[in-house]
N, C-alpha and C. Protein backbone atom coordinates (compact mmCIF):
# COMPACT_ATOMS: atom_id res chain seq x y z
N MET A 1 0.76 -1.18 0.03
CA MET A 1 0.02 -0.08 -0.12
C MET A 1 0.84 1.08 -0.03
N VAL A 2 0.48 2.39 -0.68
CA VAL A 2 1.18 3.49 -0.73
C VAL A 2 0.98 4.38 0.72
N GLN A 3 2.31 4.70 1.01
CA GLN A 3 2.18 5.49 2.27
C GLN A 3 1.45 6.87 1.95
N MET A 4 0.67 7.47 2.77
CA MET A 4 0.00 8.70 2.71
C MET A 4 0.64 9.77 3.71
N ARG A 5 0.58 10.93 3.51
CA ARG A 5 0.79 11.99 4.52
C ARG A 5 -0.19 12.94 4.32
N LYS A 6 -0.83 13.34 5.57
CA LYS A 6 -1.85 14.50 5.55
C LYS A 6 -0.82 15.89 5.87
N ILE A 7 -1.28 16.76 5.21
CA ILE A 7 -0.68 17.94 5.07
C ILE A 7 -1.55 19.12 5.36
N THR A 8 -0.94 20.31 5.91
CA THR A 8 -1.53 21.44 5.80
C THR A 8 -0.69 22.42 5.07
N ALA A 9 -1.35 23.15 4.10
CA ALA A 9 -0.66 24.23 3.22
C ALA A 9 -1.72 25.33 3.17
N PHE A 10 -0.78 26.49 3.07
CA PHE A 10 -1.60 27.78 2.86
C PHE A 10 -1.45 28.25 1.39
N LEU A 11 -2.58 28.14 0.51
CA LEU A 11 -2.25 28.38 -0.73
C LEU A 11 -3.29 29.40 -1.20
N PRO A 12 -3.05 30.18 -2.12
CA PRO A 12 -4.02 31.28 -2.53
C PRO A 12 -5.42 30.50 -3.09
N ALA A 13 -6.45 31.08 -2.50
CA ALA A 13 -7.79 30.24 -2.96
C ALA A 13 -7.92 30.41 -4.34
N GLU A 14 -7.53 31.64 -5.02
CA GLU A 14 -7.87 31.76 -6.54
C GLU A 14 -6.98 30.83 -7.25
N LEU A 15 -5.83 30.45 -6.74
CA LEU A 15 -4.89 29.20 -7.39
C LEU A 15 -5.66 27.92 -7.32
N ILE A 16 -6.01 27.53 -6.16
CA ILE A 16 -6.74 26.44 -5.95
C ILE A 16 -8.04 26.10 -6.86
N ASN A 17 -8.78 27.25 -6.66
CA ASN A 17 -10.21 27.24 -7.52
C ASN A 17 -9.96 27.06 -8.98
N GLY A 18 -8.95 27.76 -9.48
CA GLY A 18 -8.64 27.74 -10.92
C GLY A 18 -8.27 26.21 -11.26
N ALA A 19 -7.30 25.69 -10.46
CA ALA A 19 -6.77 24.40 -10.76
C ALA A 19 -8.08 23.32 -10.72
N MET A 20 -8.89 23.56 -9.55
CA MET A 20 -9.92 22.51 -9.64
C MET A 20 -10.85 22.69 -10.68
N GLU A 21 -10.99 23.92 -11.03
CA GLU A 21 -12.04 23.97 -12.20
C GLU A 21 -11.48 23.50 -13.49
N PHE A 22 -10.09 23.95 -13.77
CA PHE A 22 -9.44 23.24 -14.81
C PHE A 22 -9.53 21.79 -14.97
N SER A 23 -9.13 21.16 -13.88
CA SER A 23 -9.06 19.77 -13.69
C SER A 23 -10.40 19.12 -13.64
N GLY A 24 -11.26 19.67 -13.01
CA GLY A 24 -12.79 19.20 -12.96
C GLY A 24 -12.74 18.14 -11.86
N ALA A 25 -11.92 18.18 -10.97
CA ALA A 25 -11.52 17.24 -9.80
C ALA A 25 -11.67 17.81 -8.57
N GLY A 26 -11.87 17.18 -7.51
CA GLY A 26 -11.78 17.74 -6.00
C GLY A 26 -10.33 18.00 -5.83
N LEU A 27 -10.33 18.82 -4.49
CA LEU A 27 -8.88 19.38 -4.16
C LEU A 27 -7.99 18.32 -4.10
N THR A 28 -8.21 17.02 -3.31
CA THR A 28 -7.05 16.19 -3.11
C THR A 28 -6.63 15.77 -4.60
N GLU A 29 -7.44 15.29 -5.32
CA GLU A 29 -7.04 14.70 -6.71
C GLU A 29 -6.52 15.76 -7.63
N THR A 30 -6.90 17.05 -7.45
CA THR A 30 -6.15 18.17 -8.10
C THR A 30 -4.82 18.44 -7.73
N LEU A 31 -4.51 18.30 -6.42
CA LEU A 31 -3.07 18.61 -5.93
C LEU A 31 -2.27 17.30 -6.24
N ARG A 32 -2.85 16.13 -6.15
CA ARG A 32 -2.21 14.93 -6.67
C ARG A 32 -1.68 15.04 -7.82
N GLN A 33 -2.56 15.48 -8.90
CA GLN A 33 -2.24 15.72 -10.26
C GLN A 33 -1.28 16.44 -10.44
N ALA A 34 -1.15 17.58 -9.80
CA ALA A 34 -0.27 18.83 -10.04
C ALA A 34 1.11 18.23 -9.56
N LEU A 35 1.18 17.49 -8.43
CA LEU A 35 2.40 16.91 -8.13
C LEU A 35 3.04 15.87 -8.97
N ARG A 36 2.20 15.04 -9.60
CA ARG A 36 2.47 14.18 -10.45
C ARG A 36 3.13 14.71 -11.85
N ASP A 37 2.45 15.86 -12.31
CA ASP A 37 2.76 16.86 -13.34
C ASP A 37 4.27 17.40 -13.22
N TYR A 38 4.18 17.86 -12.04
CA TYR A 38 5.55 18.62 -11.57
C TYR A 38 6.67 17.52 -11.54
N SER A 39 6.52 16.40 -10.95
CA SER A 39 7.59 15.38 -11.02
C SER A 39 7.90 14.97 -12.42
N HIS A 40 7.01 14.71 -13.39
CA HIS A 40 7.23 14.27 -14.59
C HIS A 40 7.93 15.51 -15.35
N ARG A 41 7.40 16.71 -15.17
CA ARG A 41 8.24 17.75 -15.94
C ARG A 41 9.70 17.92 -15.41
N GLU A 42 9.99 17.68 -14.21
CA GLU A 42 11.29 17.76 -13.84
C GLU A 42 12.13 16.59 -14.28
N ALA A 43 11.65 15.32 -14.20
CA ALA A 43 12.25 14.16 -14.69
C ALA A 43 12.56 14.46 -16.23
N SER A 44 11.61 15.04 -16.91
CA SER A 44 11.74 15.29 -18.32
C SER A 44 12.92 16.20 -18.69
N LYS A 45 13.10 17.18 -17.89
CA LYS A 45 14.07 18.05 -18.13
C LYS A 45 15.48 17.36 -17.93
N GLY A 46 15.58 16.66 -16.98
CA GLY A 46 16.78 15.74 -16.79
C GLY A 46 17.04 15.04 -18.01
N LEU A 47 15.95 14.30 -18.55
CA LEU A 47 16.30 13.35 -19.68
C LEU A 47 16.75 14.28 -20.91
N LEU A 48 16.10 15.50 -21.11
CA LEU A 48 16.31 16.39 -22.08
C LEU A 48 17.71 16.88 -22.10
N ALA A 49 18.11 17.18 -20.84
CA ALA A 49 19.71 17.53 -20.67
C ALA A 49 20.62 16.59 -21.08
N LEU A 50 20.33 15.36 -21.18
CA LEU A 50 21.22 14.29 -21.70
C LEU A 50 21.56 14.27 -23.34
N ARG A 51 20.42 14.88 -23.90
CA ARG A 51 20.25 14.83 -25.27
C ARG A 51 20.72 13.81 -26.04
N GLY A 52 20.26 12.72 -25.62
CA GLY A 52 20.58 11.26 -26.41
C GLY A 52 21.98 10.64 -25.90
N LYS A 53 22.36 11.25 -24.90
CA LYS A 53 23.62 10.85 -24.33
C LYS A 53 23.43 9.82 -23.07
N PHE A 54 24.19 8.86 -22.81
CA PHE A 54 23.99 7.98 -21.66
C PHE A 54 25.40 7.78 -21.34
N PRO A 55 25.78 8.44 -20.10
CA PRO A 55 27.23 8.17 -19.62
C PRO A 55 27.57 6.81 -19.59
N GLY A 56 28.66 6.42 -20.09
CA GLY A 56 29.22 5.19 -20.01
C GLY A 56 28.76 4.10 -21.16
N LEU A 57 27.62 4.42 -21.68
CA LEU A 57 26.92 3.53 -22.61
C LEU A 57 27.68 3.43 -23.94
N ALA A 58 28.15 4.48 -24.41
CA ALA A 58 28.88 4.54 -25.71
C ALA A 58 30.24 3.48 -25.62
N GLU A 59 30.84 3.51 -24.42
CA GLU A 59 32.00 2.66 -24.49
C GLU A 59 31.69 1.07 -24.46
N GLU A 60 30.34 0.83 -24.01
CA GLU A 60 30.07 -0.41 -23.65
C GLU A 60 29.32 -1.22 -24.78
N MET A 61 28.81 -0.33 -25.79
CA MET A 61 28.08 -0.88 -26.76
C MET A 61 28.48 -0.22 -28.09
N ASN A 62 28.20 -0.88 -29.26
CA ASN A 62 28.49 -0.33 -30.59
C ASN A 62 27.16 -0.77 -31.42
N LEU A 63 27.03 -0.04 -32.52
CA LEU A 63 25.80 -0.24 -33.61
C LEU A 63 25.98 -1.70 -34.08
N ALA A 64 27.20 -1.96 -34.55
CA ALA A 64 27.33 -3.27 -35.18
C ALA A 64 27.10 -4.39 -34.35
N GLU A 65 27.49 -4.41 -33.09
CA GLU A 65 26.82 -5.53 -31.98
C GLU A 65 25.56 -5.49 -31.79
N LEU A 66 24.97 -4.37 -31.69
CA LEU A 66 23.49 -4.28 -31.51
C LEU A 66 22.62 -5.00 -32.66
N ARG A 67 23.24 -4.79 -33.87
CA ARG A 67 22.72 -5.29 -34.96
C ARG A 67 22.93 -6.88 -35.43
N GLU A 68 23.70 -7.51 -34.67
CA GLU A 68 24.20 -8.91 -35.18
C GLU A 68 23.15 -9.77 -35.01
N ASP A 69 22.10 -9.65 -34.10
CA ASP A 69 20.99 -10.70 -33.99
C ASP A 69 19.73 -10.15 -34.83
N ARG A 70 20.02 -9.46 -35.64
CA ARG A 70 18.82 -9.10 -36.52
C ARG A 70 19.09 -9.10 -37.89
N GLU A 71 18.16 -9.29 -38.80
CA GLU A 71 18.24 -9.53 -40.26
C GLU A 71 17.45 -8.20 -40.90
N PHE A 72 17.99 -7.68 -41.78
CA PHE A 72 17.54 -6.38 -42.46
C PHE A 72 17.05 -6.88 -43.90
N ASP A 73 16.09 -6.17 -44.45
CA ASP A 73 15.69 -6.19 -45.94
C ASP A 73 16.45 -5.13 -46.64
N GLU A 74 16.32 -5.19 -47.95
CA GLU A 74 17.11 -4.17 -48.72
C GLU A 74 16.78 -2.79 -48.56
N HIS A 75 15.81 -2.48 -47.75
CA HIS A 75 15.55 -1.04 -47.26
C HIS A 75 16.00 -0.79 -46.04
N GLY A 76 16.61 -1.60 -45.27
CA GLY A 76 16.93 -1.33 -44.11
C GLY A 76 16.03 -1.78 -42.74
N ASN A 77 14.92 -2.10 -42.99
CA ASN A 77 13.82 -2.66 -42.15
C ASN A 77 14.24 -3.76 -41.57
N VAL A 78 13.99 -3.96 -40.23
CA VAL A 78 14.15 -5.24 -39.39
C VAL A 78 13.07 -6.31 -39.93
N ILE A 79 13.67 -7.50 -40.33
CA ILE A 79 12.66 -8.67 -40.80
C ILE A 79 12.63 -9.57 -39.60
N ARG A 80 13.57 -9.73 -38.92
CA ARG A 80 13.64 -10.78 -37.87
C ARG A 80 14.71 -10.44 -36.64
């Protein structure tokens, strides 16, 4: 089961009301979704910062080895 925490927060009423109106949900679900969205956005920023790079991966793998177990047709499409 997910551990829950009860919190007290002082937030501007217009901010909460606008978010609830936008989400169409109650206060708790609106806050949960906002926190999920925030976490997702921050994780996405980290991934974008890598810009296709994965530290250490380039030294461990090369394209030829990755393709060894595949067969390609004349157009370069994987057939097996």
